[in-house]
Amino acid sequence: MKFRTPVVIGAGSWGTALAIFLARKCPQVHLLGRDLQTIEEINKQHRNQRYLPSITLPENLIATKEQEIVKNADLLLFVVPTSATRATCTKLAELGVPESAVLLSCSKGIELESSKRMSQVIADSFPRNPITVLSGPNHAEEIAQGLPAAVTIGCRDLKVGEALQEIFSNDRFRSYTNQDIAGVELGGAIKNVYAIAAGVAMGLRLGDNAISALVTRALAEMTRLGTDLGGRSETFAGLSGLGDLIATCFSEHSRNHKVGLALGQGKTLQQVVDDLGMVAEGVPNTRSIYEAARRVNARTPILDVVYAVLYQNIPPAAALDRLFRRTPRKEGE
């Protein structure tokens, strides 16, 4: 299986970075967006000034607003905000995507109303297509620059997984396959919450000891919640779990880290969102993951305090103080 006509749905920073990567391996890549100014800018100036201003885009990367382009795709990458995934899938399914096309979910989150993972949301509209996921410690800015990185591809069909592994590999980018689609997706979604927590701790200047302890316990909590929601525990020790957690909690590129940092420094959530100007998936997904955790009766003290900061107006210092004053437990619990 070879992919020759990929279409990336979503012209934000991550969608553009993935389109750049594919354009280095395919004769032509289409990037499906909504903003006409951005589309014209990509096609004429080979720039996406809003999201990746310092990157020159390949000439074989073609931006378009015409959704009919998906009719000819053999690989579709879904890189839209998680809140928009269902509506996007519903609309594209009406156009007639080939049943042989491989659908790759690249957005990290859980649907609020249903607690479904993005691959499950996509499957609701495309029940006959092979559905796969991509996740890992991958910031768009670095992928676009061609810096070294690695990724996990969640896929149950080994042949499809190998084909995706081939197209998402080069001498500076390594991909691994994993048949635990649920675990791969859940790690990528849940870690966003803990990036906000780590950012808050940094904003409050709690010190390296506290932040290291917080992130370590976040891994334990993510693994516990992720397995309760259907993933395998070993997956959370991999790239889509621990790897993504480290990158998102500590990187200057992380939007969720920026949200937490600004909250810890005293800004309101609305101020933070307005200043960011982009979607930080951890904000809406804290609510959806919190609701999912309640459905399975999971113990999630770190998630609970982030939820309290974002949605219950609890001051960040008071929320983290509440976390550290909890009754001591055995580390393995």
Protein backbone atom coordinates (compact mmCIF):
# COMPACT_ATOMS: atom_id res chain seq x y z
CA MET A 1 0.00 0.00 0.00
CA LYS A 2 1.35 3.40 -1.06
CA PHE A 3 -0.23 6.77 -0.37
CA ARG A 4 -0.11 9.18 -3.30
CA THR A 5 -3.00 11.65 -2.78
CA PRO A 6 -3.09 12.68 0.91
CA VAL A 7 -5.39 15.45 2.11
CA VAL A 8 -4.84 17.22 5.42
CA ILE A 9 -8.02 18.66 6.93
CA GLY A 10 -7.23 21.71 9.03
CA ALA A 11 -4.78 24.51 8.20
CA GLY A 12 -3.66 25.38 11.72
CA SER A 13 -0.11 24.91 12.95
CA TRP A 14 -0.29 21.12 13.38
CA GLY A 15 -2.16 20.50 10.14
CA THR A 16 0.27 22.69 8.22
CA ALA A 17 3.28 20.98 9.82
CA LEU A 18 1.97 17.54 8.88
CA ALA A 19 1.26 18.73 5.34
CA ILE A 20 4.84 20.01 5.10
CA PHE A 21 6.13 16.61 6.23
CA LEU A 22 3.99 14.72 3.70
CA ALA A 23 4.94 17.12 0.91
CA ARG A 24 8.54 15.97 1.32
CA LYS A 25 7.42 12.39 0.57
CA CYS A 26 4.53 12.77 -1.90
CA PRO A 27 4.23 14.41 -5.34
CA GLN A 28 1.45 16.68 -4.08
CA VAL A 29 -0.40 17.29 -0.82
CA HIS A 30 -3.65 19.19 -0.40
CA LEU A 31 -4.37 21.18 2.76
CA LEU A 32 -8.07 21.77 3.29
CA GLY A 33 -8.77 25.01 5.18
CA ARG A 34 -11.53 27.55 5.71
CA ASP A 35 -9.88 30.96 5.75
CA LEU A 36 -9.50 32.34 2.22
CA GLN A 37 -6.70 34.71 3.19
CA THR A 38 -4.65 31.86 4.66
CA ILE A 39 -5.33 29.67 1.61
CA GLU A 40 -4.22 32.41 -0.79
CA GLU A 41 -1.16 33.13 1.35
CA ILE A 42 -0.10 29.47 1.29
CA ASN A 43 -0.56 29.11 -2.45
CA LYS A 44 0.99 32.41 -3.54
CA GLN A 45 3.56 33.19 -0.85
CA HIS A 46 4.15 29.66 0.47
CA ARG A 47 3.60 30.91 4.01
CA ASN A 48 1.11 30.38 6.83
CA GLN A 49 1.82 33.65 8.55
CA ARG A 50 -0.60 33.19 11.43
CA TYR A 51 0.50 29.75 12.59
CA LEU A 52 4.03 29.08 11.27
CA PRO A 53 5.34 32.50 10.24
CA SER A 54 9.01 31.56 9.97
CA ILE A 55 8.53 28.51 7.73
CA THR A 56 8.66 28.49 3.94
CA LEU A 57 6.15 25.91 2.70
CA PRO A 58 6.91 23.45 -0.13
CA GLU A 59 5.52 24.40 -3.54
CA ASN A 60 3.79 21.03 -3.89
CA LEU A 61 1.66 21.84 -0.82
CA ILE A 62 -1.61 23.16 -2.23
CA ALA A 63 -4.20 24.80 0.03
CA THR A 64 -7.87 24.69 -0.90
CA LYS A 65 -11.31 25.44 0.48
CA GLU A 66 -13.01 22.97 -1.89
CA GLN A 67 -14.13 20.04 0.22
CA GLU A 68 -14.71 17.88 -2.85
CA ILE A 69 -10.96 17.27 -2.85
CA VAL A 70 -11.56 14.46 -0.33
CA LYS A 71 -13.28 12.38 -3.04
CA ASN A 72 -9.88 11.64 -4.58
CA ALA A 73 -7.91 11.09 -1.37
CA ASP A 74 -6.29 7.82 -0.37
CA LEU A 75 -5.22 9.23 3.02
CA LEU A 76 -7.20 11.77 5.05
CA LEU A 77 -5.65 13.44 8.11
CA PHE A 78 -8.16 14.96 10.53
CA VAL A 79 -6.40 17.89 12.21
CA VAL A 80 -9.29 20.10 13.32
CA PRO A 81 -10.17 21.06 16.91
CA THR A 82 -11.81 18.15 18.70
CA SER A 83 -14.99 20.17 19.20
CA ALA A 84 -15.31 20.46 15.41
CA THR A 85 -14.46 16.87 14.50
CA ARG A 86 -17.99 15.45 14.43
CA ALA A 87 -19.43 18.27 12.31
CA THR A 88 -16.47 18.04 9.93
CA CYS A 89 -16.89 14.28 9.54
CA THR A 90 -20.63 14.56 8.97
CA LYS A 91 -20.12 17.10 6.20
CA LEU A 92 -17.31 15.21 4.47
CA ALA A 93 -19.15 11.88 4.65
CA GLU A 94 -21.95 13.43 2.58
CA LEU A 95 -19.47 14.13 -0.21
CA GLY A 96 -18.46 10.48 -0.63
CA VAL A 97 -15.00 9.68 0.71
CA PRO A 98 -13.68 6.44 -0.87
CA GLU A 99 -14.12 3.47 1.46
CA SER A 100 -10.54 2.47 0.73
CA ALA A 101 -9.15 5.77 2.04
CA VAL A 102 -7.26 5.51 5.32
CA LEU A 103 -8.47 8.01 7.91
CA LEU A 104 -5.85 9.26 10.36
CA SER A 105 -6.94 11.14 13.49
CA CYS A 106 -4.30 13.67 14.56
CA SER A 107 -6.30 15.73 17.08
CA LYS A 108 -6.05 14.98 20.79
CA GLY A 109 -9.19 15.01 22.88
CA ILE A 110 -12.45 13.44 23.99
CA GLU A 111 -15.93 14.50 22.89
CA LEU A 112 -17.79 16.14 25.77
CA GLU A 113 -21.28 14.82 25.12
CA SER A 114 -20.37 11.19 24.50
CA SER A 115 -16.88 10.72 26.05
CA LYS A 116 -15.91 9.18 22.71
CA ARG A 117 -12.34 9.32 21.45
CA MET A 118 -11.77 11.06 18.14
CA SER A 119 -11.31 7.80 16.23
CA GLN A 120 -14.73 6.71 17.51
CA VAL A 121 -16.28 10.02 16.45
CA ILE A 122 -14.76 9.59 12.98
CA ALA A 123 -16.01 5.99 12.82
CA ASP A 124 -19.57 7.17 13.40
CA SER A 125 -19.46 8.87 9.98
CA PHE A 126 -17.09 6.46 8.22
CA PRO A 127 -17.90 2.95 9.51
CA ARG A 128 -16.22 1.13 6.57
CA ASN A 129 -12.94 3.03 6.35
CA PRO A 130 -9.71 2.00 8.09
CA ILE A 131 -9.38 4.41 11.01
CA THR A 132 -6.03 5.09 12.62
CA VAL A 133 -4.47 7.63 14.99
CA LEU A 134 -1.20 9.52 15.28
CA SER A 135 0.15 10.82 18.57
CA GLY A 136 3.36 11.60 20.38
CA PRO A 137 5.65 14.40 21.61
CA ASN A 138 5.41 16.48 18.44
CA HIS A 139 5.26 20.27 18.47
CA ALA A 140 4.27 21.69 15.10
CA GLU A 141 7.02 24.28 15.09
CA GLU A 142 9.75 21.65 15.38
CA ILE A 143 8.20 19.20 12.90
CA ALA A 144 7.89 22.00 10.35
CA GLN A 145 11.59 22.79 10.79
CA GLY A 146 12.54 19.15 10.25
CA LEU A 147 13.98 18.69 13.73
CA PRO A 148 14.33 15.08 14.99
CA ALA A 149 11.18 13.53 16.47
CA ALA A 150 9.26 10.29 16.92
CA VAL A 151 5.60 9.38 16.80
CA THR A 152 3.23 6.52 17.58
CA ILE A 153 0.72 5.31 15.00
CA GLY A 154 -2.26 3.52 16.48
CA CYS A 155 -3.62 1.00 14.00
CA ARG A 156 -5.18 -2.46 14.31
CA ASP A 157 -4.47 -3.54 10.70
CA LEU A 158 -0.76 -4.33 10.46
CA LYS A 159 -0.55 -3.69 6.70
CA VAL A 160 -2.15 -0.29 7.02
CA GLY A 161 0.08 0.46 10.00
CA GLU A 162 3.19 -0.45 8.01
CA ALA A 163 2.11 1.79 5.12
CA LEU A 164 1.59 4.71 7.50
CA GLN A 165 4.88 3.95 9.20
CA GLU A 166 6.63 4.16 5.84
CA ILE A 167 5.16 7.53 4.86
CA PHE A 168 5.77 8.99 8.33
CA SER A 169 9.43 8.02 8.49
CA ASN A 170 12.62 9.67 7.29
CA ASP A 171 16.17 10.09 8.56
CA ARG A 172 15.03 12.57 11.22
CA PHE A 173 11.55 11.28 12.04
CA ARG A 174 10.89 7.82 13.45
CA SER A 175 7.46 6.23 13.73
CA TYR A 176 6.33 3.25 15.78
CA THR A 177 3.11 1.24 15.47
CA ASN A 178 0.82 0.23 18.31
CA GLN A 179 -2.42 -1.74 18.05
CA ASP A 180 -3.75 -0.16 21.27
CA ILE A 181 -5.66 2.66 19.57
CA ALA A 182 -7.51 3.58 22.77
CA GLY A 183 -4.32 3.93 24.79
CA VAL A 184 -2.56 5.96 22.10
CA GLU A 185 -5.47 8.38 21.88
CA LEU A 186 -6.11 8.65 25.59
CA GLY A 187 -2.49 9.47 26.41
CA GLY A 188 -2.50 12.30 23.89
CA ALA A 189 -5.78 13.68 25.21
CA ILE A 190 -5.32 13.38 28.97
CA LYS A 191 -1.79 14.81 29.13
CA ASN A 192 -3.10 18.24 28.08
CA VAL A 193 -4.75 18.61 31.47
CA TYR A 194 -1.50 17.96 33.31
CA ALA A 195 0.36 20.45 31.11
CA ILE A 196 -1.98 23.11 32.47
CA ALA A 197 -1.24 21.93 36.02
CA ALA A 198 2.52 22.05 35.41
CA GLY A 199 2.19 25.52 33.92
CA VAL A 200 0.25 26.72 36.96
CA ALA A 201 2.95 25.36 39.27
CA MET A 202 5.62 27.19 37.27
CA GLY A 203 3.58 30.38 37.26
CA LEU A 204 3.30 30.16 41.04
CA ARG A 205 7.08 29.57 41.27
CA LEU A 206 6.66 26.41 43.34
CA GLY A 207 10.09 25.13 42.32
CA ASP A 208 11.55 22.17 40.47
CA ASN A 209 10.87 19.67 43.25
CA ALA A 210 7.14 20.36 43.32
CA ILE A 211 6.81 20.40 39.53
CA SER A 212 8.72 17.13 39.14
CA ALA A 213 6.54 15.49 41.78
CA LEU A 214 3.42 16.86 40.11
CA VAL A 215 4.34 15.52 36.65
CA THR A 216 5.38 12.14 38.07
CA ARG A 217 2.07 11.73 39.85
CA ALA A 218 0.32 12.96 36.69
CA LEU A 219 1.79 9.99 34.82
CA ALA A 220 0.43 7.62 37.47
CA GLU A 221 -2.98 9.29 37.29
CA MET A 222 -3.01 9.31 33.48
CA THR A 223 -2.20 5.60 33.41
CA ARG A 224 -4.88 4.81 35.98
CA LEU A 225 -7.56 6.84 34.19
CA GLY A 226 -6.46 5.70 30.75
CA THR A 227 -6.74 2.03 31.63
CA ASP A 228 -10.15 2.65 33.22
CA LEU A 229 -11.22 4.15 29.89
CA GLY A 230 -9.98 1.20 27.83
CA GLY A 231 -6.26 1.66 27.15
CA ARG A 232 -3.44 -0.71 28.06
CA SER A 233 -1.16 0.41 30.88
CA GLU A 234 2.08 -0.16 28.95
CA THR A 235 0.99 2.28 26.23
CA PHE A 236 1.10 5.16 28.70
CA ALA A 237 4.81 4.53 29.27
CA GLY A 238 5.42 5.13 25.55
CA LEU A 239 5.62 8.10 23.21
CA SER A 240 1.93 8.92 23.24
CA GLY A 241 1.86 8.82 27.05
CA LEU A 242 5.03 9.66 28.94
CA GLY A 243 6.73 11.18 25.89
CA ASP A 244 3.90 13.56 25.12
CA LEU A 245 3.45 14.36 28.81
CA ILE A 246 7.07 15.51 29.13
CA ALA A 247 6.96 17.63 25.98
CA THR A 248 3.65 19.26 26.82
CA CYS A 249 4.41 19.96 30.46
CA PHE A 250 7.78 21.61 29.90
CA SER A 251 8.00 22.99 26.35
CA GLU A 252 7.76 26.67 25.50
CA HIS A 253 5.77 25.61 22.41
CA SER A 254 2.98 24.02 24.47
CA ARG A 255 -0.24 26.04 24.41
CA ASN A 256 -1.57 24.19 27.43
CA HIS A 257 1.60 24.94 29.38
CA LYS A 258 1.19 28.61 28.42
CA VAL A 259 -2.39 28.58 29.69
CA GLY A 260 -1.36 27.20 33.07
CA LEU A 261 1.64 29.52 33.34
CA ALA A 262 -0.50 32.60 32.73
CA LEU A 263 -3.14 31.41 35.21
CA GLY A 264 -0.46 30.88 37.84
CA GLN A 265 0.79 34.41 37.18
CA GLY A 266 -2.64 35.85 37.95
CA LYS A 267 -4.44 36.19 34.61
CA THR A 268 -8.04 35.12 34.20
CA LEU A 269 -8.93 32.24 31.88
CA GLN A 270 -10.61 34.63 29.44
CA GLN A 271 -7.52 36.82 29.32
CA VAL A 272 -5.36 33.78 28.69
CA VAL A 273 -7.55 32.49 25.86
CA ASP A 274 -7.74 35.93 24.24
CA ASP A 275 -3.96 36.40 24.44
CA LEU A 276 -3.25 32.94 23.02
CA GLY A 277 -5.33 33.44 19.89
CA MET A 278 -5.30 29.68 19.18
CA VAL A 279 -7.07 26.62 20.51
CA ALA A 280 -5.48 25.08 23.60
CA GLU A 281 -7.18 21.68 23.63
CA GLY A 282 -6.55 21.22 27.34
CA VAL A 283 -9.11 23.86 28.25
CA PRO A 284 -12.25 22.29 26.71
CA ASN A 285 -10.86 18.79 27.18
CA THR A 286 -10.43 19.25 30.92
CA ARG A 287 -14.22 19.35 31.06
CA SER A 288 -14.75 16.36 28.75
CA ILE A 289 -12.06 14.25 30.45
CA TYR A 290 -13.42 15.19 33.88
CA GLU A 291 -16.87 14.00 32.80
CA ALA A 292 -15.41 10.79 31.36
CA ALA A 293 -13.56 10.16 34.62
CA ARG A 294 -16.78 10.57 36.59
CA ARG A 295 -18.53 8.03 34.34
CA VAL A 296 -15.98 5.35 35.26
CA ASN A 297 -15.62 6.52 38.88
CA ALA A 298 -11.87 7.09 38.50
CA ARG A 299 -9.73 8.73 41.20
CA THR A 300 -8.23 11.83 39.58
CA PRO A 301 -7.03 14.41 42.13
CA ILE A 302 -4.83 16.39 39.70
CA LEU A 303 -7.52 16.49 37.03
CA ASP A 304 -9.99 17.59 39.70
CA VAL A 305 -7.94 20.62 40.77
CA VAL A 306 -7.36 21.72 37.16
CA TYR A 307 -11.11 21.47 36.60
CA ALA A 308 -11.67 23.51 39.75
CA VAL A 309 -9.34 26.27 38.49
CA LEU A 310 -10.86 26.42 35.01
CA TYR A 311 -14.53 25.89 35.75
CA GLN A 312 -15.19 26.52 39.46
CA ASN A 313 -13.24 29.77 39.90
CA ILE A 314 -10.89 28.28 42.50
CA PRO A 315 -7.68 30.36 42.70
CA PRO A 316 -4.68 28.40 41.33
CA ALA A 317 -2.68 28.68 44.57
CA ALA A 318 -5.60 27.36 46.62
CA ALA A 319 -6.21 24.51 44.16
CA LEU A 320 -2.61 23.27 44.23
CA ASP A 321 -2.47 23.71 47.99
CA ARG A 322 -5.52 21.47 48.20
CA LEU A 323 -3.70 18.89 46.08
CA PHE A 324 -0.54 18.81 48.21
CA ARG A 325 -2.50 18.64 51.47
CA ARG A 326 -4.30 15.44 50.54
CA THR A 327 -4.00 12.43 52.84
CA PRO A 328 -0.76 10.49 52.15
CA ARG A 329 -1.04 7.23 50.20
CA LYS A 330 1.17 4.36 49.08
CA GLU A 331 3.01 5.31 45.89
CA GLY A 332 1.68 2.33 43.96
CA GLU A 333 -1.95 3.29 44.52
